[in-house]
Amino acid sequence: YVDLDREQVTFHNPKAGTAYTVPLMGDALEAIKEQHAKRIEGSPWVFPTPTGQNKPTNFEEAFKRVRADAGLDEPDVKGEVLVMHSLRHSAATEAGKAGASAFEVQAMTGHKTLAMVSRYTKVDVANAAEAMRKRWQA
C-alpha cells in the first residue's frame, strides 16, 4: 500500500504478522513514482505483470539475470548465494553504518524485536565509532 503523498509504503500482511510502514526515498521512490505514471487503471499492483493486471510482477527471474550479469551467481566464501532478501540485510547494515540507531533500523525493516535487527545489521566497532563522531559533531 503505497502513499505517494507521504512517500511511504505500508506492509499490511508481513511474515511477522504485524503491519509496518517504511519511508520511500531515493531510487525506490523515483521508481515507484515512474511506475505510478504508467499505472494500469484499476490494477491494485504497483508493478503488474506485463501481460495483465491480475497479478504482480515476480522479480525473482529478473534478479537472477542481474545477479548473473554482475558476476555474483557463485556462492561466497560462506557458501551463500546472493538472493533478493539479501538486499534487506544490506540495507539494514548500511543504515547502521550511516549512524541509524537500532530503533531506526527496526522501524525501517519492520522487525518485531531488536534481537532480529541485530541478526540483520552487521556493524563493527569502527562503524559505531564513526556514527558516534557524526552525531556528536552535528
N, C-alpha and C. Protein backbone atom coordinates (compact mmCIF):
# COMPACT_ATOMS: atom_id res chain seq x y z
N TYR A 1 0.84 -1.16 0.00
CA TYR A 1 0.00 0.00 0.00
C TYR A 1 0.89 1.23 0.00
N VAL A 2 0.96 1.87 -1.15
CA VAL A 2 1.86 2.99 -1.36
C VAL A 2 1.11 4.30 -1.16
N ASP A 3 1.69 5.20 -0.38
CA ASP A 3 1.15 6.54 -0.18
C ASP A 3 2.20 7.51 -0.70
N LEU A 4 2.01 7.97 -1.95
CA LEU A 4 3.00 8.85 -2.56
C LEU A 4 3.01 10.24 -1.92
N ASP A 5 1.88 10.69 -1.39
CA ASP A 5 1.86 12.00 -0.72
C ASP A 5 2.77 12.01 0.51
N ARG A 6 2.75 10.91 1.25
CA ARG A 6 3.59 10.79 2.45
C ARG A 6 4.93 10.14 2.16
N GLU A 7 5.10 9.66 0.93
CA GLU A 7 6.33 8.98 0.50
C GLU A 7 6.66 7.82 1.43
N GLN A 8 5.69 6.90 1.53
CA GLN A 8 5.86 5.73 2.38
C GLN A 8 5.05 4.56 1.84
N VAL A 9 5.42 3.38 2.29
CA VAL A 9 4.69 2.17 1.91
C VAL A 9 4.39 1.39 3.18
N THR A 10 3.19 0.82 3.24
CA THR A 10 2.77 0.03 4.39
C THR A 10 2.62 -1.42 3.96
N PHE A 11 3.21 -2.30 4.74
CA PHE A 11 3.09 -3.74 4.54
C PHE A 11 2.07 -4.24 5.56
N HIS A 12 0.88 -4.61 5.08
CA HIS A 12 -0.21 -4.98 5.98
C HIS A 12 -0.17 -6.44 6.42
N ASN A 13 0.41 -7.31 5.62
CA ASN A 13 0.42 -8.74 5.96
C ASN A 13 1.82 -9.33 5.86
N PRO A 14 2.79 -8.80 6.61
CA PRO A 14 4.15 -9.34 6.52
C PRO A 14 4.26 -10.69 7.23
N LYS A 15 5.36 -11.36 6.99
CA LYS A 15 5.61 -12.68 7.58
C LYS A 15 5.50 -12.64 9.10
N ALA A 16 5.99 -11.56 9.72
CA ALA A 16 5.98 -11.46 11.18
C ALA A 16 4.58 -11.22 11.75
N GLY A 17 3.62 -10.85 10.88
CA GLY A 17 2.24 -10.71 11.32
C GLY A 17 1.79 -9.32 11.74
N THR A 18 2.72 -8.40 11.99
CA THR A 18 2.35 -7.06 12.42
C THR A 18 2.65 -6.07 11.30
N ALA A 19 1.63 -5.31 10.90
CA ALA A 19 1.81 -4.33 9.83
C ALA A 19 2.85 -3.30 10.23
N TYR A 20 3.57 -2.80 9.22
CA TYR A 20 4.54 -1.73 9.48
C TYR A 20 4.66 -0.86 8.24
N THR A 21 5.12 0.38 8.46
CA THR A 21 5.26 1.36 7.40
C THR A 21 6.71 1.81 7.32
N VAL A 22 7.20 1.95 6.11
CA VAL A 22 8.58 2.42 5.91
C VAL A 22 8.57 3.60 4.93
N PRO A 23 9.54 4.49 5.11
CA PRO A 23 9.63 5.62 4.18
C PRO A 23 10.17 5.17 2.83
N LEU A 24 9.75 5.85 1.80
CA LEU A 24 10.30 5.64 0.46
C LEU A 24 11.21 6.81 0.15
N MET A 25 12.39 6.52 -0.38
CA MET A 25 13.30 7.60 -0.74
C MET A 25 14.24 7.14 -1.84
N GLY A 26 14.94 8.08 -2.39
CA GLY A 26 15.97 7.78 -3.38
C GLY A 26 15.43 7.06 -4.60
N ASP A 27 16.20 6.08 -5.06
CA ASP A 27 15.85 5.33 -6.27
C ASP A 27 14.52 4.60 -6.14
N ALA A 28 14.23 4.08 -4.94
CA ALA A 28 12.97 3.35 -4.75
C ALA A 28 11.78 4.27 -4.95
N LEU A 29 11.84 5.45 -4.38
CA LEU A 29 10.75 6.41 -4.53
C LEU A 29 10.61 6.82 -5.99
N GLU A 30 11.72 7.09 -6.65
CA GLU A 30 11.66 7.50 -8.06
C GLU A 30 11.08 6.39 -8.94
N ALA A 31 11.47 5.14 -8.69
CA ALA A 31 10.95 4.01 -9.47
C ALA A 31 9.44 3.87 -9.29
N ILE A 32 8.98 4.04 -8.06
CA ILE A 32 7.54 3.90 -7.81
C ILE A 32 6.77 5.07 -8.40
N LYS A 33 7.33 6.27 -8.33
CA LYS A 33 6.67 7.42 -8.97
C LYS A 33 6.59 7.22 -10.49
N GLU A 34 7.68 6.74 -11.07
CA GLU A 34 7.70 6.50 -12.51
C GLU A 34 6.67 5.44 -12.89
N GLN A 35 6.61 4.39 -12.10
CA GLN A 35 5.64 3.32 -12.38
C GLN A 35 4.22 3.83 -12.18
N HIS A 36 4.00 4.68 -11.20
CA HIS A 36 2.67 5.23 -10.94
C HIS A 36 2.16 6.01 -12.16
N ALA A 37 3.07 6.72 -12.82
CA ALA A 37 2.69 7.49 -14.00
C ALA A 37 2.24 6.57 -15.14
N LYS A 38 2.70 5.31 -15.14
CA LYS A 38 2.34 4.34 -16.20
C LYS A 38 1.28 3.36 -15.72
N ARG A 39 0.70 3.61 -14.57
CA ARG A 39 -0.20 2.67 -13.92
C ARG A 39 -1.36 2.25 -14.82
N ILE A 40 -1.69 0.99 -14.75
CA ILE A 40 -2.84 0.45 -15.47
C ILE A 40 -4.08 0.76 -14.63
N GLU A 41 -5.01 1.46 -15.19
CA GLU A 41 -6.22 1.86 -14.48
C GLU A 41 -6.92 0.62 -13.91
N GLY A 42 -7.24 0.67 -12.64
CA GLY A 42 -7.96 -0.43 -12.00
C GLY A 42 -7.07 -1.50 -11.41
N SER A 43 -5.78 -1.48 -11.73
CA SER A 43 -4.88 -2.50 -11.19
C SER A 43 -4.45 -2.12 -9.77
N PRO A 44 -4.49 -3.06 -8.85
CA PRO A 44 -4.06 -2.76 -7.49
C PRO A 44 -2.54 -2.84 -7.31
N TRP A 45 -1.82 -3.26 -8.34
CA TRP A 45 -0.39 -3.52 -8.22
C TRP A 45 0.46 -2.34 -8.69
N VAL A 46 1.54 -2.08 -7.98
CA VAL A 46 2.50 -1.06 -8.41
C VAL A 46 3.20 -1.54 -9.66
N PHE A 47 3.60 -2.81 -9.67
CA PHE A 47 4.28 -3.42 -10.81
C PHE A 47 3.49 -4.64 -11.28
N PRO A 48 2.42 -4.43 -12.08
CA PRO A 48 1.66 -5.59 -12.56
C PRO A 48 2.46 -6.36 -13.60
N THR A 49 2.04 -7.58 -13.85
CA THR A 49 2.71 -8.36 -14.88
C THR A 49 2.54 -7.66 -16.22
N PRO A 50 3.51 -7.77 -17.11
CA PRO A 50 3.41 -7.10 -18.41
C PRO A 50 2.22 -7.57 -19.24
N THR A 51 1.75 -8.78 -19.00
CA THR A 51 0.67 -9.33 -19.81
C THR A 51 -0.72 -9.08 -19.23
N GLY A 52 -0.79 -8.53 -18.04
CA GLY A 52 -2.10 -8.29 -17.46
C GLY A 52 -2.01 -7.69 -16.09
N GLN A 53 -3.16 -7.28 -15.57
CA GLN A 53 -3.18 -6.57 -14.30
C GLN A 53 -3.62 -7.44 -13.14
N ASN A 54 -3.85 -8.73 -13.36
CA ASN A 54 -4.43 -9.57 -12.32
C ASN A 54 -3.44 -10.10 -11.30
N LYS A 55 -2.15 -9.92 -11.54
CA LYS A 55 -1.18 -10.36 -10.53
C LYS A 55 0.08 -9.50 -10.63
N PRO A 56 0.82 -9.42 -9.52
CA PRO A 56 2.03 -8.59 -9.53
C PRO A 56 3.17 -9.27 -10.26
N THR A 57 4.13 -8.46 -10.67
CA THR A 57 5.32 -8.98 -11.33
C THR A 57 6.14 -9.79 -10.34
N ASN A 58 6.66 -10.91 -10.80
CA ASN A 58 7.59 -11.71 -10.00
C ASN A 58 9.00 -11.27 -10.41
N PHE A 59 9.71 -10.64 -9.50
CA PHE A 59 11.02 -10.08 -9.81
C PHE A 59 12.16 -11.10 -9.68
N GLU A 60 11.86 -12.30 -9.25
CA GLU A 60 12.91 -13.29 -8.97
C GLU A 60 13.75 -13.61 -10.21
N GLU A 61 13.11 -13.85 -11.34
CA GLU A 61 13.87 -14.18 -12.56
C GLU A 61 14.73 -13.01 -13.03
N ALA A 62 14.17 -11.81 -12.97
CA ALA A 62 14.95 -10.63 -13.35
C ALA A 62 16.14 -10.45 -12.40
N PHE A 63 15.93 -10.69 -11.11
CA PHE A 63 17.02 -10.57 -10.14
C PHE A 63 18.12 -11.59 -10.45
N LYS A 64 17.73 -12.80 -10.80
CA LYS A 64 18.73 -13.84 -11.14
C LYS A 64 19.55 -13.42 -12.35
N ARG A 65 18.91 -12.82 -13.35
CA ARG A 65 19.65 -12.37 -14.54
C ARG A 65 20.62 -11.25 -14.20
N VAL A 66 20.17 -10.29 -13.40
CA VAL A 66 21.04 -9.18 -12.99
C VAL A 66 22.21 -9.72 -12.16
N ARG A 67 21.92 -10.63 -11.27
CA ARG A 67 22.96 -11.23 -10.43
C ARG A 67 24.00 -11.93 -11.31
N ALA A 68 23.56 -12.67 -12.30
CA ALA A 68 24.48 -13.36 -13.20
C ALA A 68 25.30 -12.36 -14.01
N ASP A 69 24.64 -11.33 -14.54
CA ASP A 69 25.35 -10.30 -15.32
C ASP A 69 26.40 -9.58 -14.49
N ALA A 70 26.15 -9.45 -13.18
CA ALA A 70 27.09 -8.78 -12.29
C ALA A 70 28.19 -9.72 -11.81
N GLY A 71 28.12 -10.99 -12.23
CA GLY A 71 29.13 -11.95 -11.80
C GLY A 71 28.98 -12.39 -10.36
N LEU A 72 27.76 -12.32 -9.84
CA LEU A 72 27.52 -12.67 -8.44
C LEU A 72 26.70 -13.95 -8.29
N ASP A 73 26.78 -14.81 -9.28
CA ASP A 73 25.99 -16.03 -9.28
C ASP A 73 26.59 -17.15 -8.43
N GLU A 74 27.88 -17.07 -8.16
CA GLU A 74 28.55 -18.13 -7.41
C GLU A 74 28.43 -17.90 -5.91
N PRO A 75 28.45 -18.97 -5.13
CA PRO A 75 28.42 -18.81 -3.67
C PRO A 75 29.64 -18.03 -3.18
N ASP A 76 29.45 -17.29 -2.09
CA ASP A 76 30.57 -16.54 -1.49
C ASP A 76 31.40 -17.47 -0.61
N VAL A 77 32.32 -16.91 0.14
CA VAL A 77 33.22 -17.73 0.97
C VAL A 77 32.47 -18.50 2.05
N LYS A 78 31.29 -18.05 2.40
CA LYS A 78 30.47 -18.77 3.38
C LYS A 78 29.57 -19.82 2.72
N GLY A 79 29.63 -19.88 1.37
CA GLY A 79 28.78 -20.82 0.64
C GLY A 79 27.40 -20.29 0.36
N GLU A 80 27.19 -18.98 0.56
CA GLU A 80 25.88 -18.38 0.36
C GLU A 80 25.80 -17.68 -0.99
N VAL A 81 24.63 -17.77 -1.62
CA VAL A 81 24.38 -17.10 -2.89
C VAL A 81 23.49 -15.89 -2.62
N LEU A 82 23.79 -14.79 -3.30
CA LEU A 82 23.01 -13.57 -3.14
C LEU A 82 21.57 -13.82 -3.61
N VAL A 83 20.62 -13.49 -2.75
CA VAL A 83 19.19 -13.58 -3.08
C VAL A 83 18.57 -12.22 -2.83
N MET A 84 17.35 -12.01 -3.30
CA MET A 84 16.72 -10.70 -3.13
C MET A 84 16.62 -10.32 -1.66
N HIS A 85 16.37 -11.29 -0.80
CA HIS A 85 16.26 -11.00 0.63
C HIS A 85 17.58 -10.47 1.21
N SER A 86 18.69 -10.78 0.55
CA SER A 86 20.00 -10.27 0.99
C SER A 86 20.01 -8.75 0.97
N LEU A 87 19.23 -8.15 0.09
CA LEU A 87 19.19 -6.70 -0.01
C LEU A 87 18.64 -6.07 1.27
N ARG A 88 17.76 -6.78 1.94
CA ARG A 88 17.22 -6.29 3.22
C ARG A 88 18.34 -6.25 4.26
N HIS A 89 19.15 -7.30 4.29
CA HIS A 89 20.29 -7.33 5.20
C HIS A 89 21.23 -6.16 4.89
N SER A 90 21.51 -5.97 3.61
CA SER A 90 22.43 -4.90 3.21
C SER A 90 21.89 -3.53 3.58
N ALA A 91 20.60 -3.31 3.38
CA ALA A 91 20.01 -2.02 3.72
C ALA A 91 20.11 -1.76 5.22
N ALA A 92 19.84 -2.78 6.03
CA ALA A 92 19.94 -2.62 7.48
C ALA A 92 21.37 -2.33 7.90
N THR A 93 22.31 -3.05 7.31
CA THR A 93 23.73 -2.85 7.64
C THR A 93 24.18 -1.46 7.23
N GLU A 94 23.84 -1.03 6.03
CA GLU A 94 24.25 0.29 5.56
C GLU A 94 23.62 1.40 6.41
N ALA A 95 22.38 1.21 6.83
CA ALA A 95 21.73 2.21 7.69
C ALA A 95 22.48 2.30 9.02
N GLY A 96 22.84 1.15 9.57
CA GLY A 96 23.61 1.13 10.82
C GLY A 96 24.96 1.79 10.66
N LYS A 97 25.63 1.50 9.56
CA LYS A 97 26.94 2.12 9.30
C LYS A 97 26.82 3.63 9.14
N ALA A 98 25.68 4.08 8.63
CA ALA A 98 25.47 5.52 8.42
C ALA A 98 25.05 6.22 9.71
N GLY A 99 24.90 5.46 10.79
CA GLY A 99 24.59 6.07 12.07
C GLY A 99 23.17 5.89 12.56
N ALA A 100 22.36 5.13 11.83
CA ALA A 100 20.99 4.88 12.29
C ALA A 100 21.03 4.04 13.56
N SER A 101 20.17 4.37 14.50
CA SER A 101 20.09 3.59 15.73
C SER A 101 19.41 2.25 15.44
N ALA A 102 19.53 1.34 16.38
CA ALA A 102 18.86 0.04 16.22
C ALA A 102 17.35 0.24 16.11
N PHE A 103 16.82 1.23 16.82
CA PHE A 103 15.38 1.50 16.75
C PHE A 103 14.99 2.03 15.37
N GLU A 104 15.85 2.84 14.78
CA GLU A 104 15.58 3.36 13.43
C GLU A 104 15.65 2.24 12.41
N VAL A 105 16.62 1.35 12.55
CA VAL A 105 16.72 0.20 11.65
C VAL A 105 15.49 -0.69 11.83
N GLN A 106 15.05 -0.86 13.06
CA GLN A 106 13.86 -1.67 13.32
C GLN A 106 12.64 -1.08 12.63
N ALA A 107 12.49 0.24 12.69
CA ALA A 107 11.37 0.89 12.02
C ALA A 107 11.47 0.72 10.51
N MET A 108 12.70 0.78 9.99
CA MET A 108 12.92 0.66 8.56
C MET A 108 12.61 -0.74 8.04
N THR A 109 13.00 -1.75 8.80
CA THR A 109 12.85 -3.13 8.33
C THR A 109 11.56 -3.79 8.78
N GLY A 110 10.93 -3.23 9.82
CA GLY A 110 9.68 -3.81 10.32
C GLY A 110 9.88 -5.01 11.22
N HIS A 111 11.09 -5.21 11.71
CA HIS A 111 11.31 -6.34 12.62
C HIS A 111 10.61 -6.09 13.96
N LYS A 112 10.10 -7.17 14.54
CA LYS A 112 9.39 -7.04 15.81
C LYS A 112 10.33 -6.81 16.98
N THR A 113 11.52 -7.38 16.92
CA THR A 113 12.42 -7.30 18.07
C THR A 113 13.79 -6.77 17.67
N LEU A 114 14.47 -6.19 18.65
CA LEU A 114 15.84 -5.73 18.41
C LEU A 114 16.79 -6.91 18.21
N ALA A 115 16.42 -8.06 18.75
CA ALA A 115 17.24 -9.26 18.53
C ALA A 115 17.29 -9.60 17.04
N MET A 116 16.15 -9.48 16.37
CA MET A 116 16.13 -9.75 14.93
C MET A 116 16.90 -8.68 14.17
N VAL A 117 16.80 -7.42 14.62
CA VAL A 117 17.55 -6.34 13.98
C VAL A 117 19.04 -6.65 14.07
N SER A 118 19.48 -7.14 15.22
CA SER A 118 20.91 -7.42 15.39
C SER A 118 21.38 -8.55 14.47
N ARG A 119 20.49 -9.45 14.09
CA ARG A 119 20.87 -10.51 13.14
C ARG A 119 21.08 -9.96 11.75
N TYR A 120 20.35 -8.92 11.42
CA TYR A 120 20.42 -8.33 10.09
C TYR A 120 21.49 -7.26 9.96
N THR A 121 21.74 -6.54 11.04
CA THR A 121 22.63 -5.39 10.97
C THR A 121 24.04 -5.80 11.39
N LYS A 122 24.97 -5.73 10.46
CA LYS A 122 26.36 -6.09 10.73
C LYS A 122 27.19 -4.81 10.79
N VAL A 123 27.37 -4.30 11.99
CA VAL A 123 28.14 -3.08 12.18
C VAL A 123 29.26 -3.38 13.16
N ASP A 124 30.48 -2.99 12.81
CA ASP A 124 31.61 -3.26 13.70
C ASP A 124 31.95 -2.03 14.53
N VAL A 125 32.96 -2.17 15.39
CA VAL A 125 33.34 -1.10 16.31
C VAL A 125 33.73 0.17 15.56
N ALA A 126 34.44 0.04 14.46
CA ALA A 126 34.84 1.22 13.69
C ALA A 126 33.62 1.96 13.17
N ASN A 127 32.61 1.23 12.70
CA ASN A 127 31.38 1.87 12.24
C ASN A 127 30.66 2.57 13.39
N ALA A 128 30.62 1.94 14.55
CA ALA A 128 29.97 2.54 15.71
C ALA A 128 30.69 3.83 16.11
N ALA A 129 32.01 3.80 16.11
CA ALA A 129 32.78 4.99 16.47
C ALA A 129 32.52 6.13 15.49
N GLU A 130 32.47 5.83 14.21
CA GLU A 130 32.20 6.85 13.20
C GLU A 130 30.80 7.43 13.36
N ALA A 131 29.83 6.58 13.64
CA ALA A 131 28.45 7.05 13.84
C ALA A 131 28.38 7.97 15.07
N MET A 132 29.08 7.61 16.12
CA MET A 132 29.09 8.45 17.32
C MET A 132 29.75 9.79 17.04
N ARG A 133 30.84 9.78 16.29
CA ARG A 133 31.51 11.04 15.92
C ARG A 133 30.56 11.94 15.14
N LYS A 134 29.84 11.36 14.17
CA LYS A 134 28.91 12.14 13.36
C LYS A 134 27.82 12.77 14.22
N ARG A 135 27.27 12.03 15.14
CA ARG A 135 26.19 12.53 15.99
C ARG A 135 26.68 13.62 16.92
N TRP A 136 27.88 13.48 17.47
CA TRP A 136 28.37 14.46 18.43
C TRP A 136 28.90 15.71 17.76
N GLN A 137 29.28 15.61 16.50
CA GLN A 137 29.77 16.78 15.77
C GLN A 137 28.64 17.59 15.17
N ALA A 138 27.48 17.00 15.06
CA ALA A 138 26.33 17.68 14.43
C ALA A 138 25.82 18.83 15.25
